[in-house]
Amino acid sequence: MTDAVGDDTWLIVVDPQNIFASPDSAWGSPFFPQAFANVRLLAGHFDERVLVTRWMPTADRSTSWGDYFAAWPFADRPASDPLFDLIDEARDLSPHPTLDLPTFGKWGDAIEAILGRGARIVLTGVSTDCCVLSTALAAADAGAHVTVVSDACAGSTEENHAAALHVMGLYPPQLTLATTAQVLG
């Protein structure tokens, strides 16, 4: 691994779920299979320092989330629906419990309790232009050192993926971009 990714660095895999992986899902990313292949490569180098998150449809409908679910009724299902399960290939990525959160951004008290303040993280997952972007910016704001792995993230479209990477690329040195090969280099 590169010098920027040492033994105290954690890999965070954002939302490798059926809802984002399935080509039949309205939120399925056509780029998920290749991105996830890179996630698997990375995970093999982080040993037990891997966290996996899931987006859950448990937000309070009396807030703006009510409008969100009205706009995306296919996702307004019980949290137990298999659509929200991890894909089979993601179930063995981490020895830690999956962090289930009803928010786009996954960075917060739950992750900081495990990693500590000012953590060094390598961020991967789906979708680049929503949950990855939201997690990366919140982590940088909280003082984490964030490396987003561009080819281990899947966007909703090629254009949206590129736009999200462009935005995240505006935040060095707290937030940097790298490829899987650069991280493992």
C-alpha atoms as a PDB file:
ATOM      1  CA  MET A   1       0.000   0.000   0.000  1.00  0.00           C
ATOM      2  CA  THR A   2       1.094   3.585  -0.516  1.00  0.00           C
ATOM      3  CA  ASP A   3       2.644   5.640   2.254  1.00  0.00           C
ATOM      4  CA  ALA A   4      -0.626   7.596   2.516  1.00  0.00           C
ATOM      5  CA  VAL A   5      -2.411   4.353   3.437  1.00  0.00           C
ATOM      6  CA  GLY A   6      -0.713   2.941   6.506  1.00  0.00           C
ATOM      7  CA  ASP A   7      -1.554   0.327   9.112  1.00  0.00           C
ATOM      8  CA  ASP A   8      -3.887   2.769  10.887  1.00  0.00           C
ATOM      9  CA  THR A   9      -5.993   3.388   7.774  1.00  0.00           C
ATOM     10  CA  TRP A  10      -9.499   1.945   7.460  1.00  0.00           C
ATOM     11  CA  LEU A  11     -11.458   0.997   4.382  1.00  0.00           C
ATOM     12  CA  ILE A  12     -15.081   2.123   4.375  1.00  0.00           C
ATOM     13  CA  VAL A  13     -17.394   0.450   1.870  1.00  0.00           C
ATOM     14  CA  VAL A  14     -20.520   2.538   1.415  1.00  0.00           C
ATOM     15  CA  ASP A  15     -23.788   0.698   0.775  1.00  0.00           C
ATOM     16  CA  PRO A  16     -22.952  -2.426  -1.272  1.00  0.00           C
ATOM     17  CA  GLN A  17     -26.631  -3.376  -1.325  1.00  0.00           C
ATOM     18  CA  ASN A  18     -29.029  -5.001  -3.752  1.00  0.00           C
ATOM     19  CA  ILE A  19     -30.870  -1.707  -4.240  1.00  0.00           C
ATOM     20  CA  PHE A  20     -27.720  -0.172  -5.764  1.00  0.00           C
ATOM     21  CA  ALA A  21     -26.284  -3.280  -7.437  1.00  0.00           C
ATOM     22  CA  SER A  22     -29.283  -4.803  -9.175  1.00  0.00           C
ATOM     23  CA  PRO A  23     -29.815  -3.797 -12.796  1.00  0.00           C
ATOM     24  CA  ASP A  24     -33.554  -4.173 -12.081  1.00  0.00           C
ATOM     25  CA  SER A  25     -33.487  -1.473  -9.385  1.00  0.00           C
ATOM     26  CA  ALA A  26     -34.276   2.165 -10.210  1.00  0.00           C
ATOM     27  CA  TRP A  27     -31.109   2.986  -8.247  1.00  0.00           C
ATOM     28  CA  GLY A  28     -28.935   0.225  -9.704  1.00  0.00           C
ATOM     29  CA  SER A  29     -25.605   1.467 -11.009  1.00  0.00           C
ATOM     30  CA  PRO A  30     -24.369  -0.078 -14.254  1.00  0.00           C
ATOM     31  CA  PHE A  31     -20.829   0.526 -12.944  1.00  0.00           C
ATOM     32  CA  PHE A  32     -21.318  -1.447  -9.729  1.00  0.00           C
ATOM     33  CA  PRO A  33     -19.734  -4.768 -10.824  1.00  0.00           C
ATOM     34  CA  GLN A  34     -16.375  -3.252 -11.813  1.00  0.00           C
ATOM     35  CA  ALA A  35     -16.274  -0.910  -8.834  1.00  0.00           C
ATOM     36  CA  PHE A  36     -17.050  -3.774  -6.479  1.00  0.00           C
ATOM     37  CA  ALA A  37     -14.283  -5.915  -8.012  1.00  0.00           C
ATOM     38  CA  ASN A  38     -11.888  -3.141  -6.944  1.00  0.00           C
ATOM     39  CA  VAL A  39     -13.485  -2.973  -3.491  1.00  0.00           C
ATOM     40  CA  ARG A  40     -12.744  -6.705  -3.077  1.00  0.00           C
ATOM     41  CA  LEU A  41      -9.108  -6.137  -4.110  1.00  0.00           C
ATOM     42  CA  LEU A  42      -8.758  -3.340  -1.577  1.00  0.00           C
ATOM     43  CA  ALA A  43     -10.507  -5.208   1.235  1.00  0.00           C
ATOM     44  CA  GLY A  44      -7.952  -7.990   1.005  1.00  0.00           C
ATOM     45  CA  HIS A  45      -5.247  -5.516   2.035  1.00  0.00           C
ATOM     46  CA  PHE A  46      -7.024  -3.982   5.031  1.00  0.00           C
ATOM     47  CA  ASP A  47      -7.490  -7.146   7.114  1.00  0.00           C
ATOM     48  CA  GLU A  48      -9.901  -6.319   9.955  1.00  0.00           C
ATOM     49  CA  ARG A  49      -9.856  -2.569   9.248  1.00  0.00           C
ATOM     50  CA  VAL A  50     -12.928  -2.638   6.989  1.00  0.00           C
ATOM     51  CA  LEU A  51     -16.339  -1.135   7.749  1.00  0.00           C
ATOM     52  CA  VAL A  52     -19.427  -1.671   5.609  1.00  0.00           C
ATOM     53  CA  THR A  53     -22.495   0.572   5.675  1.00  0.00           C
ATOM     54  CA  ARG A  54     -26.079   0.178   4.525  1.00  0.00           C
ATOM     55  CA  TRP A  55     -28.604   2.861   3.693  1.00  0.00           C
ATOM     56  CA  MET A  56     -31.864   2.014   5.415  1.00  0.00           C
ATOM     57  CA  PRO A  57     -35.366   3.393   4.708  1.00  0.00           C
ATOM     58  CA  THR A  58     -35.986   4.219   8.360  1.00  0.00           C
ATOM     59  CA  ALA A  59     -35.884   8.025   8.273  1.00  0.00           C
ATOM     60  CA  ASP A  60     -38.723  10.000   9.835  1.00  0.00           C
ATOM     61  CA  ARG A  61     -41.377  10.592   7.169  1.00  0.00           C
ATOM     62  CA  SER A  62     -42.488  13.818   8.900  1.00  0.00           C
ATOM     63  CA  THR A  63     -39.203  15.417   7.762  1.00  0.00           C
ATOM     64  CA  SER A  64     -37.923  16.070   4.245  1.00  0.00           C
ATOM     65  CA  TRP A  65     -37.459  12.303   4.020  1.00  0.00           C
ATOM     66  CA  GLY A  66     -41.234  12.064   3.611  1.00  0.00           C
ATOM     67  CA  ASP A  67     -40.919  14.063   0.374  1.00  0.00           C
ATOM     68  CA  TYR A  68     -37.968  11.918  -0.634  1.00  0.00           C
ATOM     69  CA  PHE A  69     -39.930   8.689  -0.276  1.00  0.00           C
ATOM     70  CA  ALA A  70     -42.859  10.243  -2.122  1.00  0.00           C
ATOM     71  CA  ALA A  71     -40.458  10.913  -5.015  1.00  0.00           C
ATOM     72  CA  TRP A  72     -38.998   7.371  -4.811  1.00  0.00           C
ATOM     73  CA  PRO A  73     -41.948   5.174  -3.783  1.00  0.00           C
ATOM     74  CA  PHE A  74     -40.232   1.954  -4.907  1.00  0.00           C
ATOM     75  CA  ALA A  75     -37.778   2.404  -2.001  1.00  0.00           C
ATOM     76  CA  ASP A  76     -40.470   3.051   0.616  1.00  0.00           C
ATOM     77  CA  ARG A  77     -40.438  -0.505   1.928  1.00  0.00           C
ATOM     78  CA  PRO A  78     -39.811  -2.128   5.300  1.00  0.00           C
ATOM     79  CA  ALA A  79     -36.156  -2.239   6.316  1.00  0.00           C
ATOM     80  CA  SER A  80     -36.401  -6.035   6.267  1.00  0.00           C
ATOM     81  CA  ASP A  81     -37.005  -6.066   2.490  1.00  0.00           C
ATOM     82  CA  PRO A  82     -34.245  -8.021   0.640  1.00  0.00           C
ATOM     83  CA  LEU A  83     -33.693  -4.955  -1.548  1.00  0.00           C
ATOM     84  CA  PHE A  84     -31.743  -3.461   1.375  1.00  0.00           C
ATOM     85  CA  ASP A  85     -29.600  -6.549   2.021  1.00  0.00           C
ATOM     86  CA  LEU A  86     -25.901  -6.504   1.281  1.00  0.00           C
ATOM     87  CA  ILE A  87     -25.011  -8.235  -1.945  1.00  0.00           C
ATOM     88  CA  ASP A  88     -23.772 -11.751  -1.245  1.00  0.00           C
ATOM     89  CA  GLU A  89     -20.182 -10.860  -2.158  1.00  0.00           C
ATOM     90  CA  ALA A  90     -20.096  -8.076   0.463  1.00  0.00           C
ATOM     91  CA  ARG A  91     -21.163 -10.137   3.464  1.00  0.00           C
ATOM     92  CA  ASP A  92     -17.645 -11.290   4.304  1.00  0.00           C
ATOM     93  CA  LEU A  93     -15.813  -7.994   3.779  1.00  0.00           C
ATOM     94  CA  SER A  94     -15.712  -6.989   7.440  1.00  0.00           C
ATOM     95  CA  PRO A  95     -15.619  -8.719  10.813  1.00  0.00           C
ATOM     96  CA  HIS A  96     -17.458  -5.708  12.251  1.00  0.00           C
ATOM     97  CA  PRO A  97     -21.233  -5.303  12.312  1.00  0.00           C
ATOM     98  CA  THR A  98     -22.673  -3.457   9.335  1.00  0.00           C
ATOM     99  CA  LEU A  99     -23.488   0.168  10.133  1.00  0.00           C
ATOM    100  CA  ASP A 100     -27.129   0.724   9.170  1.00  0.00           C
ATOM    101  CA  LEU A 101     -28.030   4.387   8.804  1.00  0.00           C
ATOM    102  CA  PRO A 102     -31.009   6.261   7.306  1.00  0.00           C
ATOM    103  CA  THR A 103     -28.795   9.015   5.892  1.00  0.00           C
ATOM    104  CA  PHE A 104     -26.903   9.686   2.684  1.00  0.00           C
ATOM    105  CA  GLY A 105     -23.706  10.510   4.564  1.00  0.00           C
ATOM    106  CA  LYS A 106     -22.439   7.691   6.726  1.00  0.00           C
ATOM    107  CA  TRP A 107     -19.788   9.623   8.634  1.00  0.00           C
ATOM    108  CA  GLY A 108     -20.797  10.395  12.203  1.00  0.00           C
ATOM    109  CA  ASP A 109     -20.643   9.238  15.795  1.00  0.00           C
ATOM    110  CA  ALA A 110     -20.974   5.527  14.980  1.00  0.00           C
ATOM    111  CA  ILE A 111     -17.923   5.501  12.702  1.00  0.00           C
ATOM    112  CA  GLU A 112     -15.891   7.887  14.868  1.00  0.00           C
ATOM    113  CA  ALA A 113     -16.514   5.641  17.888  1.00  0.00           C
ATOM    114  CA  ILE A 114     -14.738   2.825  16.029  1.00  0.00           C
ATOM    115  CA  LEU A 115     -12.049   4.746  14.143  1.00  0.00           C
ATOM    116  CA  GLY A 116     -11.439   7.753  16.382  1.00  0.00           C
ATOM    117  CA  ARG A 117     -11.187  11.440  15.553  1.00  0.00           C
ATOM    118  CA  GLY A 118      -8.862  12.393  12.725  1.00  0.00           C
ATOM    119  CA  ALA A 119      -8.951   8.876  11.297  1.00  0.00           C
ATOM    120  CA  ARG A 120      -7.377   7.963   8.001  1.00  0.00           C
ATOM    121  CA  ILE A 121      -9.914   6.377   5.680  1.00  0.00           C
ATOM    122  CA  VAL A 122     -10.066   4.974   2.187  1.00  0.00           C
ATOM    123  CA  LEU A 123     -13.593   5.441   0.890  1.00  0.00           C
ATOM    124  CA  THR A 124     -15.339   3.263  -1.697  1.00  0.00           C
ATOM    125  CA  GLY A 125     -18.900   2.377  -2.614  1.00  0.00           C
ATOM    126  CA  VAL A 126     -22.057   3.597  -4.230  1.00  0.00           C
ATOM    127  CA  SER A 127     -23.207   5.928  -5.355  1.00  0.00           C
ATOM    128  CA  THR A 128     -20.352   8.305  -5.959  1.00  0.00           C
ATOM    129  CA  ASP A 129     -22.764  11.189  -6.545  1.00  0.00           C
ATOM    130  CA  CYS A 130     -24.833  10.664  -3.385  1.00  0.00           C
ATOM    131  CA  CYS A 131     -23.780   8.591  -0.383  1.00  0.00           C
ATOM    132  CA  VAL A 132     -20.040   8.514  -1.145  1.00  0.00           C
ATOM    133  CA  LEU A 133     -19.915  12.281  -1.729  1.00  0.00           C
ATOM    134  CA  SER A 134     -21.986  12.974   1.405  1.00  0.00           C
ATOM    135  CA  THR A 135     -19.785  10.684   3.506  1.00  0.00           C
ATOM    136  CA  ALA A 136     -16.528  12.103   2.156  1.00  0.00           C
ATOM    137  CA  LEU A 137     -17.435  15.738   2.835  1.00  0.00           C
ATOM    138  CA  ALA A 138     -18.747  15.021   6.340  1.00  0.00           C
ATOM    139  CA  ALA A 139     -15.613  13.005   7.175  1.00  0.00           C
ATOM    140  CA  ALA A 140     -13.334  15.788   5.920  1.00  0.00           C
ATOM    141  CA  ASP A 141     -15.327  18.354   7.921  1.00  0.00           C
ATOM    142  CA  ALA A 142     -14.871  16.193  11.026  1.00  0.00           C
ATOM    143  CA  GLY A 143     -11.097  16.161  10.513  1.00  0.00           C
ATOM    144  CA  ALA A 144     -10.631  12.744   8.923  1.00  0.00           C
ATOM    145  CA  HIS A 145      -8.017  12.187   6.230  1.00  0.00           C
ATOM    146  CA  VAL A 146     -10.032  10.859   3.284  1.00  0.00           C
ATOM    147  CA  THR A 147      -8.878   9.095   0.130  1.00  0.00           C
ATOM    148  CA  VAL A 148     -11.712   8.373  -2.296  1.00  0.00           C
ATOM    149  CA  VAL A 149     -10.889   5.510  -4.654  1.00  0.00           C
ATOM    150  CA  SER A 150     -12.342   6.647  -7.960  1.00  0.00           C
ATOM    151  CA  ASP A 151     -12.478   3.233  -9.630  1.00  0.00           C
ATOM    152  CA  ALA A 152     -13.901   1.542  -6.509  1.00  0.00           C
ATOM    153  CA  CYS A 153     -16.939   3.830  -6.524  1.00  0.00           C
ATOM    154  CA  ALA A 154     -19.978   3.525  -8.772  1.00  0.00           C
ATOM    155  CA  GLY A 155     -22.022   6.513  -9.839  1.00  0.00           C
ATOM    156  CA  SER A 156     -25.609   6.695 -10.964  1.00  0.00           C
ATOM    157  CA  THR A 157     -24.336   7.706 -14.410  1.00  0.00           C
ATOM    158  CA  GLU A 158     -20.886   8.205 -15.911  1.00  0.00           C
ATOM    159  CA  GLU A 159     -21.460  11.978 -15.952  1.00  0.00           C
ATOM    160  CA  ASN A 160     -22.635  12.114 -12.328  1.00  0.00           C
ATOM    161  CA  HIS A 161     -19.685   9.964 -11.208  1.00  0.00           C
ATOM    162  CA  ALA A 162     -17.269  12.356 -12.940  1.00  0.00           C
ATOM    163  CA  ALA A 163     -19.018  15.404 -11.491  1.00  0.00           C
ATOM    164  CA  ALA A 164     -18.881  14.016  -7.948  1.00  0.00           C
ATOM    165  CA  LEU A 165     -15.187  13.162  -8.321  1.00  0.00           C
ATOM    166  CA  HIS A 166     -14.568  16.684  -9.620  1.00  0.00           C
ATOM    167  CA  VAL A 167     -16.264  18.198  -6.563  1.00  0.00           C
ATOM    168  CA  MET A 168     -14.394  15.942  -4.122  1.00  0.00           C
ATOM    169  CA  GLY A 169     -11.155  16.774  -5.912  1.00  0.00           C
ATOM    170  CA  LEU A 170     -11.600  20.390  -4.793  1.00  0.00           C
ATOM    171  CA  TYR A 171     -10.914  19.515  -1.117  1.00  0.00           C
ATOM    172  CA  PRO A 172      -7.226  18.611  -0.790  1.00  0.00           C
ATOM    173  CA  PRO A 173      -5.397  17.939   1.419  1.00  0.00           C
ATOM    174  CA  GLN A 174      -8.231  16.642   3.616  1.00  0.00           C
ATOM    175  CA  LEU A 175      -9.830  14.767   0.738  1.00  0.00           C
ATOM    176  CA  THR A 176      -7.794  13.259  -2.090  1.00  0.00           C
ATOM    177  CA  LEU A 177      -8.589  11.003  -5.030  1.00  0.00           C
ATOM    178  CA  ALA A 178      -6.706   7.858  -6.032  1.00  0.00           C
ATOM    179  CA  THR A 179      -7.203   4.712  -8.091  1.00  0.00           C
ATOM    180  CA  THR A 180      -7.118   1.182  -6.722  1.00  0.00           C
ATOM    181  CA  ALA A 181      -3.664   0.685  -8.254  1.00  0.00           C
ATOM    182  CA  GLN A 182      -2.371   3.865  -6.582  1.00  0.00           C
ATOM    183  CA  VAL A 183      -3.740   2.823  -3.186  1.00  0.00           C
ATOM    184  CA  LEU A 184      -2.271  -0.666  -3.463  1.00  0.00           C
ATOM    185  CA  GLY A 185       0.925   0.609  -5.137  1.00  0.00           C
END
